[in-house]
Structure formats: structure tokens, C-alpha cells
Amino acid sequence: MTDYLYIDSVAGLAQIHDACRNVDVIAVDTEFARFNTYYPIVGLIQIYTGHACFLVDPLPIDDLSGLAELLTRADLLKVFHACSEDMEVFQHALGVTPVPVHDTQIAGAVLGVGFSLGYQALVEHYLGISLPKDQTRSDWLARPLSNEQLDYAALDVIHLLQVYHKQAAALAGTAKETWVRAESENLGADIPTMIDPEVTYLKLKGLWQFDRIELNQLKALFAWREAKARSEDVPRNRVADQKALMTIVKQSLSTRHALQHQASMTPRQVRKHGDDILLIREEAGLVPEKDCPPRVLREDVPVSSSKLKQLKKVVEARARELSIAPEMLTKRRHLEALLRSGETGRYELPKELMGWREEAVGRDLLGALGEA
């Protein structure tokens, strides 16, 4: 059995602060669930200081603000693995995102261990330990939690800190140390549940097919859907499916019957939201074109396959030289964006290839295009 302290009261949180007083790094993890909700429901928060392991049960604790203070302490590094969902959990539960952060999945990719590696694979690589997976899909909101669940949760952060120390030693004093730090700085940004509802439509694919007035209708409908999902704490598709809203706009649907039979909305959705959807589409369609969003350029226009292949070879070569996962350097769509930029007469790196990536691979890509 793994040693840990089970914390289920505000008073107990003070023990964690005391334990963290003289350390500069801790491992953190969360167990959560989404049972037909918009927001994640946190079931357990694990913290390991290197000396003491704490399992925080947030369900009976009515004030978690003490944890918020700890997780944003500037002189305390928080280690996570693939922490995008953890950030979402903490933003909703505590109103903050942890900083500063080290993500072991990112560091593993920068160190060339592999891209988007799962936690079990990373622990196997660094520690030679094969972790059990039997508790991965546990119900973390059920009480009481079993001893097996609690042991699993505690070992998660204990091994996580051990992995961090291995990675920190490999990164120390190298350019990669700054690369990992740069990648980790923005992990609390663009949390899906915090994005401005007014810009959610921009995540859609195929926007180039819509004119400005149609884009305004999409903008209004998707902002409404986002706000409704948040206020009712239900998944977005429970309110209305993405494809349905796009069909409604593209086909100018104007009746409840059409919503159900042409946009494939469920009878329940039509009963509950049909009139709102029709009104929003109609009103957004009355806005003068000059006041509507600008047209969106098509991003899936084919690029030169020979040039794309050439750029991929540059990326692969740099990845081998740097011992880094090639996917960490760039993605296909960023290479395509680079090639499209040349249509204006001069190739320019997209923003995704700026920062540390400009030196790591960006200049080599521009050089290859200059020689082409």
C-alpha cells in the first residue's frame, strides 16, 4: 500500500501548504468526470512534494481557495502530464490555471522520446515500471473511493515527479530547457470552456464556403450555443449539433419542420431551441454586409506536393540532428501555410513556426525554399 494523506477538509489543506513550504517543485494530477456536462467535475486532486503525497477529496470541501494560492505560487514548479484537461479542471473548480508548469509529455517530445506519449509509456521509458491500467476508467465521483483507486492515484504523482527529475537532468543547460519552458508558458491559454463565445465559429472547417452574411449567422448561432451549454452545464451537442447549425445557415432553413428533417435536429432540440435558432439566424441575416465578419480564406487549397515533400525532409533531418520528435517541430498544416505564404511573392513563417521553432527549423525551411 502506498503512503498518502487523504485530505477532505479546509483545515487539511493547510498541511499541504506546510509540506510545500521548503520545496520548489511538486507533481500534480487530477481525476475527473464528465457525465453529460459541459464542465468537468473534479473527483480527486493529487499532489506529491517528493516527501509527502496528498490526495485531496474536493467533494466535501466547500472552499478550495487555499489550493488556488498554492497552484499559482510563482516559486513553485508544478509538474503535470498532458495537462490541457487538468488546466480546464482547475479553471472551473478553482478559477485559476496553475503556473509555472512543466508538462512531461511535452518534455518527452522535445527530448526525442516520442510525440504525444501516454503516461504509462513515459513511465515505462524513464523508470522501467509497467503501470496497471485497471483504474483508468474508474468512477472518481463515487464514494467511498476504493483502496485500489487511492493507491493508483497516489502512484500517479509519485512516479510523475520521478520522471520529471530524469527529464530535468537531461534538459539542464541545453537550449531544449528553454524550449520546454516556452511551450509550457501557454498551457493555460485557449481553454475551451473559457474561449469567447463570439469566436467559437472560427474553429469550424470549411468556412471559406460561407459568404459574409452567412458567417455572421454562424457567429451568432455558435455564440448562442456556447452560452447556452455553459449556462445549462450540458455538452454543446446536447443543445445543437455543429453540422446541424452549419446546414441551417447554408440552406437558409426557416421552419421547425426543416430543422428536424433537413438539419437532423432531434425533436427535443427543436421543441426546446427551435424558435430561438430560427430567430437568431433571421436577425443575424439582417445585419448589413459591411458589418459582418470578413470572408475566410480557403486553407485546404492544394500546395506543391514536391515542395511539401522537400520541407518534410528538412523537418525530419532537423529532428534527427536535434533528437526531437518531428511533430514537435511542426505539423503538416504549418508547412502548407508556409508554402501558401509564397503566393504573395515572399515566403513567411506562420506564427506557429516563430519563437524557438524559428531557430530550430524555421530558418532551414526558408533556406530550402530559397534554393528551390
Protein backbone atom coordinates (compact mmCIF):
# COMPACT_ATOMS: atom_id res chain seq x y z
CA MET A 1 0.00 0.00 0.00
CA THR A 2 1.26 3.49 -0.93
CA ASP A 3 1.65 6.10 1.80
CA TYR A 4 -0.54 9.18 1.37
CA LEU A 5 -2.63 11.63 3.37
CA TYR A 6 -6.32 11.83 2.50
CA ILE A 7 -7.50 15.45 2.75
CA ASP A 8 -11.24 16.14 2.93
CA SER A 9 -11.47 19.42 4.88
CA VAL A 10 -10.36 23.05 4.60
CA ALA A 11 -8.18 22.55 7.67
CA GLY A 12 -6.43 19.67 5.95
CA LEU A 13 -5.37 21.91 3.06
CA ALA A 14 -3.07 23.76 5.46
CA GLN A 15 -0.97 20.59 5.77
CA ILE A 16 -0.25 20.74 2.04
CA HIS A 17 0.94 24.35 2.30
CA ASP A 18 3.23 23.40 5.15
CA ALA A 19 4.65 20.46 3.21
CA CYS A 20 5.29 22.67 0.16
CA ARG A 21 6.96 25.45 2.11
CA ASN A 22 10.52 24.22 1.53
CA VAL A 23 10.22 22.60 -1.90
CA ASP A 24 10.46 24.17 -5.35
CA VAL A 25 8.68 21.52 -7.41
CA ILE A 26 5.62 19.32 -6.91
CA ALA A 27 3.78 16.78 -9.07
CA VAL A 28 0.07 17.36 -9.62
CA ASP A 29 -2.72 15.33 -11.22
CA THR A 30 -6.50 15.28 -11.22
CA GLU A 31 -9.16 12.64 -11.63
CA PHE A 32 -12.39 13.97 -13.06
CA ALA A 33 -15.52 13.02 -14.94
CA ARG A 34 -17.89 14.49 -17.50
CA PHE A 35 -21.25 12.83 -17.16
CA ASN A 36 -23.23 14.68 -19.81
CA THR A 37 -21.97 18.02 -18.53
CA TYR A 38 -20.24 20.95 -20.18
CA TYR A 39 -17.79 21.47 -17.34
CA PRO A 40 -15.54 18.73 -15.93
CA ILE A 41 -16.39 17.55 -12.41
CA VAL A 42 -13.25 17.04 -10.34
CA GLY A 43 -13.26 13.92 -8.19
CA LEU A 44 -9.72 13.92 -6.78
CA ILE A 45 -6.63 16.15 -6.75
CA GLN A 46 -3.23 14.51 -6.18
CA ILE A 47 -0.13 16.39 -5.01
CA TYR A 48 3.31 14.94 -4.31
CA THR A 49 6.14 17.00 -2.83
CA GLY A 50 8.86 14.39 -3.08
CA HIS A 51 8.38 13.60 0.61
CA ALA A 52 4.62 13.54 1.16
CA CYS A 53 1.70 12.55 -1.04
CA PHE A 54 -1.72 14.21 -0.61
CA LEU A 55 -5.00 13.03 -2.07
CA VAL A 56 -7.48 15.89 -1.89
CA ASP A 57 -11.16 14.97 -1.97
CA PRO A 58 -12.81 18.16 -3.29
CA LEU A 59 -16.40 16.97 -2.93
CA PRO A 60 -16.84 17.69 0.81
CA ILE A 61 -14.58 20.80 0.79
CA ASP A 62 -16.58 24.00 0.29
CA ASP A 63 -13.57 26.32 -0.04
CA LEU A 64 -10.64 25.26 -2.22
CA SER A 65 -9.11 28.74 -2.45
CA GLY A 66 -6.08 27.56 -0.46
CA LEU A 67 -5.21 25.26 -3.35
CA ALA A 68 -5.59 28.08 -5.85
CA GLU A 69 -2.95 30.06 -3.97
CA LEU A 70 -0.58 27.08 -3.94
CA LEU A 71 -1.01 26.25 -7.62
CA THR A 72 -0.20 29.80 -8.69
CA ARG A 73 2.81 30.28 -6.40
CA ALA A 74 5.48 31.73 -8.67
CA ASP A 75 8.43 29.98 -6.99
CA LEU A 76 6.85 26.52 -7.07
CA LEU A 77 7.01 24.48 -10.30
CA LYS A 78 4.01 22.27 -10.95
CA VAL A 79 4.66 19.06 -12.91
CA PHE A 80 1.82 17.56 -14.98
CA HIS A 81 1.48 15.05 -17.77
CA ALA A 82 -0.60 16.12 -20.81
CA CYS A 83 -2.19 18.81 -18.71
CA SER A 84 -4.68 20.51 -21.06
CA GLU A 85 -7.66 18.84 -19.37
CA ASP A 86 -6.17 19.42 -15.90
CA MET A 87 -6.00 23.13 -16.74
CA GLU A 88 -9.67 23.06 -17.66
CA VAL A 89 -10.48 21.26 -14.40
CA PHE A 90 -8.65 23.81 -12.25
CA GLN A 91 -10.04 26.80 -14.13
CA HIS A 92 -13.56 25.62 -13.42
CA ALA A 93 -13.00 24.30 -9.88
CA LEU A 94 -10.62 27.00 -8.58
CA GLY A 95 -10.90 29.88 -11.03
CA VAL A 96 -7.15 29.70 -11.83
CA THR A 97 -4.76 27.77 -14.05
CA PRO A 98 -1.53 26.52 -12.46
CA VAL A 99 1.72 28.40 -13.16
CA PRO A 100 4.59 27.80 -13.67
CA VAL A 101 4.21 24.36 -15.25
CA HIS A 102 6.36 21.53 -16.62
CA ASP A 103 4.48 19.08 -18.86
CA THR A 104 6.25 15.71 -19.07
CA GLN A 105 4.53 14.85 -22.35
CA ILE A 106 5.93 18.00 -23.99
CA ALA A 107 9.36 17.42 -22.47
CA GLY A 108 9.32 13.82 -23.70
CA ALA A 109 8.66 15.02 -27.25
CA VAL A 110 11.38 17.70 -27.06
CA LEU A 111 13.82 15.10 -25.75
CA GLY A 112 13.00 12.76 -28.62
CA VAL A 113 11.35 10.05 -26.53
CA GLY A 114 8.18 10.23 -28.63
CA PHE A 115 5.34 12.54 -29.57
CA SER A 116 2.12 12.63 -27.54
CA LEU A 117 3.24 9.68 -25.41
CA GLY A 118 0.81 8.35 -22.84
CA TYR A 119 1.72 8.39 -19.17
CA GLN A 120 2.21 4.63 -18.92
CA ALA A 121 4.63 4.64 -21.88
CA LEU A 122 6.61 7.53 -20.41
CA VAL A 123 6.95 5.85 -17.01
CA GLU A 124 7.99 2.63 -18.75
CA HIS A 125 10.67 4.53 -20.70
CA TYR A 126 12.15 6.52 -17.82
CA LEU A 127 11.59 4.27 -14.83
CA GLY A 128 11.20 0.80 -16.31
CA ILE A 129 7.94 0.37 -14.42
CA SER A 130 4.82 -1.11 -16.01
CA LEU A 131 1.82 0.67 -14.52
CA PRO A 132 -1.56 -1.06 -14.11
CA LYS A 133 -4.38 0.41 -16.20
CA ASP A 134 -7.30 -1.13 -14.37
CA GLN A 135 -8.32 2.11 -12.59
CA THR A 136 -8.05 4.41 -15.62
CA ARG A 137 -11.80 4.37 -16.22
CA SER A 138 -12.86 4.31 -12.57
CA ASP A 139 -15.81 6.34 -11.31
CA TRP A 140 -13.92 9.04 -9.43
CA LEU A 141 -17.11 10.66 -8.18
CA ALA A 142 -18.30 7.56 -6.32
CA ARG A 143 -17.74 7.48 -2.56
CA PRO A 144 -16.04 5.90 -0.81
CA LEU A 145 -13.11 5.53 -3.18
CA SER A 146 -11.54 2.08 -3.05
CA ASN A 147 -8.02 1.41 -1.76
CA GLU A 148 -7.11 0.36 -5.30
CA GLN A 149 -8.25 3.73 -6.66
CA LEU A 150 -6.37 5.68 -4.00
CA ASP A 151 -3.15 3.69 -4.47
CA TYR A 152 -3.38 4.18 -8.22
CA ALA A 153 -3.93 7.94 -7.79
CA ALA A 154 -1.03 8.32 -5.37
CA LEU A 155 1.42 6.38 -7.53
CA ASP A 156 0.47 8.57 -10.49
CA VAL A 157 2.05 11.66 -8.95
CA ILE A 158 4.87 9.81 -7.19
CA HIS A 159 6.11 8.37 -10.50
CA LEU A 160 5.39 11.67 -12.24
CA LEU A 161 7.88 13.54 -10.08
CA GLN A 162 10.47 10.81 -10.65
CA VAL A 163 10.02 11.21 -14.41
CA TYR A 164 10.39 14.98 -14.07
CA HIS A 165 13.75 14.67 -12.32
CA LYS A 166 15.03 12.43 -15.12
CA GLN A 167 13.85 14.92 -17.73
CA ALA A 168 15.19 17.93 -15.83
CA ALA A 169 18.64 16.34 -15.73
CA ALA A 170 18.55 15.71 -19.49
CA LEU A 171 17.36 19.27 -20.22
CA ALA A 172 19.66 21.13 -17.82
CA GLY A 173 21.85 23.73 -19.50
CA THR A 174 20.60 22.98 -23.03
CA ALA A 175 18.54 25.01 -25.49
CA LYS A 176 15.82 22.41 -25.06
CA GLU A 177 15.32 23.56 -21.49
CA THR A 178 14.14 26.93 -22.78
CA TRP A 179 12.05 25.26 -25.47
CA VAL A 180 10.12 23.22 -22.91
CA ARG A 181 9.67 26.31 -20.77
CA ALA A 182 8.36 28.28 -23.74
CA GLU A 183 5.90 25.53 -24.68
CA SER A 184 4.68 25.29 -21.09
CA GLU A 185 4.02 29.02 -20.68
CA ASN A 186 0.85 28.93 -22.78
CA LEU A 187 -0.71 25.73 -21.48
CA GLY A 188 -3.34 27.68 -19.57
CA ALA A 189 -4.39 29.65 -22.64
CA ASP A 190 -7.21 28.78 -25.05
CA ILE A 191 -9.09 26.61 -22.58
CA PRO A 192 -12.22 25.51 -24.49
CA THR A 193 -14.57 26.33 -21.63
CA MET A 194 -13.13 29.86 -21.36
CA ILE A 195 -13.00 30.88 -25.01
CA ASP A 196 -15.04 33.93 -26.02
CA PRO A 197 -18.35 32.56 -27.42
CA GLU A 198 -18.18 35.17 -30.18
CA VAL A 199 -15.18 33.46 -31.79
CA THR A 200 -16.22 29.81 -31.45
CA TYR A 201 -17.44 29.70 -35.06
CA LEU A 202 -13.85 30.27 -36.23
CA LYS A 203 -12.99 26.71 -35.16
CA LEU A 204 -15.22 25.32 -37.91
CA LYS A 205 -13.77 23.78 -41.05
CA GLY A 206 -14.94 24.89 -44.47
CA LEU A 207 -15.74 28.48 -43.51
CA TRP A 208 -14.49 29.63 -46.91
CA GLN A 209 -17.75 28.27 -48.35
CA PHE A 210 -19.83 30.89 -46.49
CA ASP A 211 -20.39 34.50 -47.52
CA ARG A 212 -20.15 37.36 -45.02
CA ILE A 213 -23.82 37.36 -44.05
CA GLU A 214 -23.77 33.59 -43.58
CA LEU A 215 -20.64 33.94 -41.45
CA ASN A 216 -22.50 36.42 -39.26
CA GLN A 217 -25.30 33.90 -38.85
CA LEU A 218 -22.80 31.19 -37.92
CA LYS A 219 -21.11 33.53 -35.48
CA ALA A 220 -24.43 34.32 -33.77
CA LEU A 221 -25.65 30.72 -33.65
CA PHE A 222 -22.41 29.26 -32.31
CA ALA A 223 -22.07 32.03 -29.72
CA TRP A 224 -25.63 31.27 -28.60
CA ARG A 225 -24.90 27.52 -28.45
CA GLU A 226 -21.76 28.09 -26.38
CA ALA A 227 -23.53 30.39 -23.91
CA LYS A 228 -26.47 28.00 -23.61
CA ALA A 229 -24.23 24.97 -23.00
CA ARG A 230 -22.38 26.85 -20.27
CA SER A 231 -25.47 28.19 -18.54
CA GLU A 232 -27.18 24.78 -18.54
CA ASP A 233 -23.92 22.84 -17.98
CA VAL A 234 -24.63 20.40 -20.81
CA PRO A 235 -22.48 19.26 -23.76
CA ARG A 236 -22.61 21.56 -26.78
CA ASN A 237 -24.15 18.87 -28.98
CA ARG A 238 -26.97 18.44 -26.47
CA VAL A 239 -28.02 21.97 -27.40
CA ALA A 240 -27.46 21.60 -31.15
CA ASP A 241 -25.07 19.64 -33.33
CA GLN A 242 -22.34 21.57 -35.13
CA LYS A 243 -23.27 20.11 -38.51
CA ALA A 244 -26.93 20.98 -37.95
CA LEU A 245 -26.19 24.66 -37.37
CA MET A 246 -23.99 24.83 -40.47
CA THR A 247 -26.75 23.20 -42.52
CA ILE A 248 -29.33 25.64 -41.16
CA VAL A 249 -27.24 28.58 -42.33
CA LYS A 250 -26.13 27.15 -45.68
CA GLN A 251 -29.63 26.05 -46.65
CA SER A 252 -31.38 29.10 -45.11
CA LEU A 253 -33.76 26.87 -43.16
CA SER A 254 -36.67 28.82 -41.74
CA THR A 255 -39.16 26.34 -40.23
CA ARG A 256 -39.15 23.97 -37.28
CA HIS A 257 -40.02 21.14 -39.68
CA ALA A 258 -36.90 21.89 -41.73
CA LEU A 259 -34.75 21.94 -38.58
CA GLN A 260 -35.77 18.39 -37.81
CA HIS A 261 -35.95 16.86 -41.27
CA GLN A 262 -33.21 18.73 -43.16
CA ALA A 263 -30.79 19.63 -40.37
CA SER A 264 -31.41 16.37 -38.47
CA MET A 265 -32.06 18.06 -35.12
CA THR A 266 -33.82 15.86 -32.59
CA PRO A 267 -37.48 16.51 -31.80
CA ARG A 268 -36.44 17.52 -28.27
CA GLN A 269 -33.92 20.03 -29.57
CA VAL A 270 -36.47 21.51 -31.96
CA ARG A 271 -39.08 21.82 -29.20
CA LYS A 272 -36.66 23.43 -26.78
CA HIS A 273 -34.47 25.57 -29.04
CA GLY A 274 -36.05 25.67 -32.49
CA ASP A 275 -37.69 29.08 -32.21
CA ASP A 276 -34.54 30.63 -30.75
CA ILE A 277 -32.39 29.23 -33.55
CA LEU A 278 -34.71 30.49 -36.28
CA LEU A 279 -34.90 33.95 -34.73
CA ILE A 280 -31.13 34.21 -34.25
CA ARG A 281 -30.47 33.17 -37.86
CA GLU A 282 -33.03 35.62 -39.18
CA GLU A 283 -31.79 38.59 -37.14
CA ALA A 284 -28.12 37.90 -37.93
CA GLY A 285 -29.06 37.80 -41.61
CA LEU A 286 -30.40 41.36 -41.46
CA VAL A 287 -27.05 42.87 -40.49
CA PRO A 288 -25.50 44.93 -43.33
CA GLU A 289 -22.77 43.01 -45.13
CA LYS A 290 -20.18 45.67 -44.31
CA ASP A 291 -20.72 44.97 -40.60
CA CYS A 292 -20.41 41.19 -40.94
CA PRO A 293 -17.22 39.14 -40.39
CA PRO A 294 -14.74 39.15 -43.29
CA ARG A 295 -14.62 36.24 -45.71
CA VAL A 296 -12.35 33.38 -44.64
CA LEU A 297 -9.60 32.31 -46.99
CA ARG A 298 -9.60 28.71 -48.06
CA GLU A 299 -6.84 26.82 -46.25
CA ASP A 300 -7.16 23.43 -47.90
CA VAL A 301 -6.10 24.56 -51.35
CA PRO A 302 -3.57 22.03 -52.62
CA VAL A 303 0.07 23.09 -52.43
CA SER A 304 3.01 21.83 -54.43
CA SER A 305 3.48 18.20 -53.40
CA SER A 306 7.16 18.30 -54.41
CA LYS A 307 7.84 21.37 -52.26
CA LEU A 308 5.86 19.91 -49.35
CA LYS A 309 7.89 16.71 -49.61
CA GLN A 310 11.08 18.79 -49.65
CA LEU A 311 10.05 20.64 -46.49
CA LYS A 312 9.16 17.40 -44.73
CA LYS A 313 12.67 16.11 -45.44
CA VAL A 314 14.11 19.27 -43.88
CA VAL A 315 11.98 18.74 -40.77
CA GLU A 316 12.94 15.09 -40.50
CA ALA A 317 16.63 15.90 -40.89
CA ARG A 318 16.49 18.62 -38.22
CA ALA A 319 14.54 16.31 -35.93
CA ARG A 320 17.30 13.69 -36.21
CA GLU A 321 20.01 16.29 -35.60
CA LEU A 322 18.21 17.67 -32.55
CA SER A 323 16.91 14.31 -31.24
CA ILE A 324 13.39 15.71 -31.07
CA ALA A 325 10.05 14.33 -32.20
CA PRO A 326 9.47 15.81 -35.70
CA GLU A 327 5.83 16.53 -34.82
CA MET A 328 7.12 18.81 -32.09
CA LEU A 329 8.91 20.95 -34.64
CA THR A 330 5.98 21.46 -36.97
CA LYS A 331 2.80 19.98 -38.37
CA ARG A 332 1.77 19.46 -41.99
CA ARG A 333 -0.73 22.33 -41.91
CA HIS A 334 2.00 24.73 -40.81
CA LEU A 335 4.20 23.65 -43.70
CA GLU A 336 1.26 24.16 -46.05
CA ALA A 337 0.67 27.63 -44.58
CA LEU A 338 4.33 28.45 -45.22
CA LEU A 339 4.02 27.37 -48.85
CA ARG A 340 0.82 29.39 -49.35
CA SER A 341 2.53 32.49 -47.99
CA GLY A 342 4.78 32.39 -51.06
CA GLU A 343 1.81 33.13 -53.30
CA THR A 344 2.26 36.80 -52.40
CA GLY A 345 5.85 36.76 -53.64
CA ARG A 346 7.79 36.03 -50.45
CA TYR A 347 7.70 33.08 -48.08
CA GLU A 348 6.96 33.97 -44.45
CA LEU A 349 6.91 31.71 -41.43
CA PRO A 350 3.45 31.27 -39.89
CA LYS A 351 3.17 32.24 -36.24
CA GLU A 352 3.34 28.57 -35.23
CA LEU A 353 6.90 28.43 -36.58
CA MET A 354 8.10 31.53 -34.76
CA GLY A 355 9.71 31.63 -31.31
CA TRP A 356 12.14 28.81 -30.60
CA ARG A 357 10.99 26.92 -33.70
CA GLU A 358 12.33 29.67 -35.97
CA GLU A 359 15.88 28.84 -34.92
CA ALA A 360 15.27 25.09 -34.60
CA VAL A 361 13.74 24.57 -38.05
CA GLY A 362 12.15 27.73 -39.48
CA ARG A 363 15.30 29.21 -41.00
CA ASP A 364 16.20 25.89 -42.56
CA LEU A 365 12.73 25.71 -44.14
CA LEU A 366 13.07 29.22 -45.57
CA GLY A 367 16.54 28.35 -46.80
CA ALA A 368 15.26 25.26 -48.58
CA LEU A 369 12.57 27.31 -50.32
CA GLY A 370 15.13 29.93 -51.31
CA GLU A 371 17.19 27.24 -53.00
CA ALA A 372 14.21 25.69 -54.74
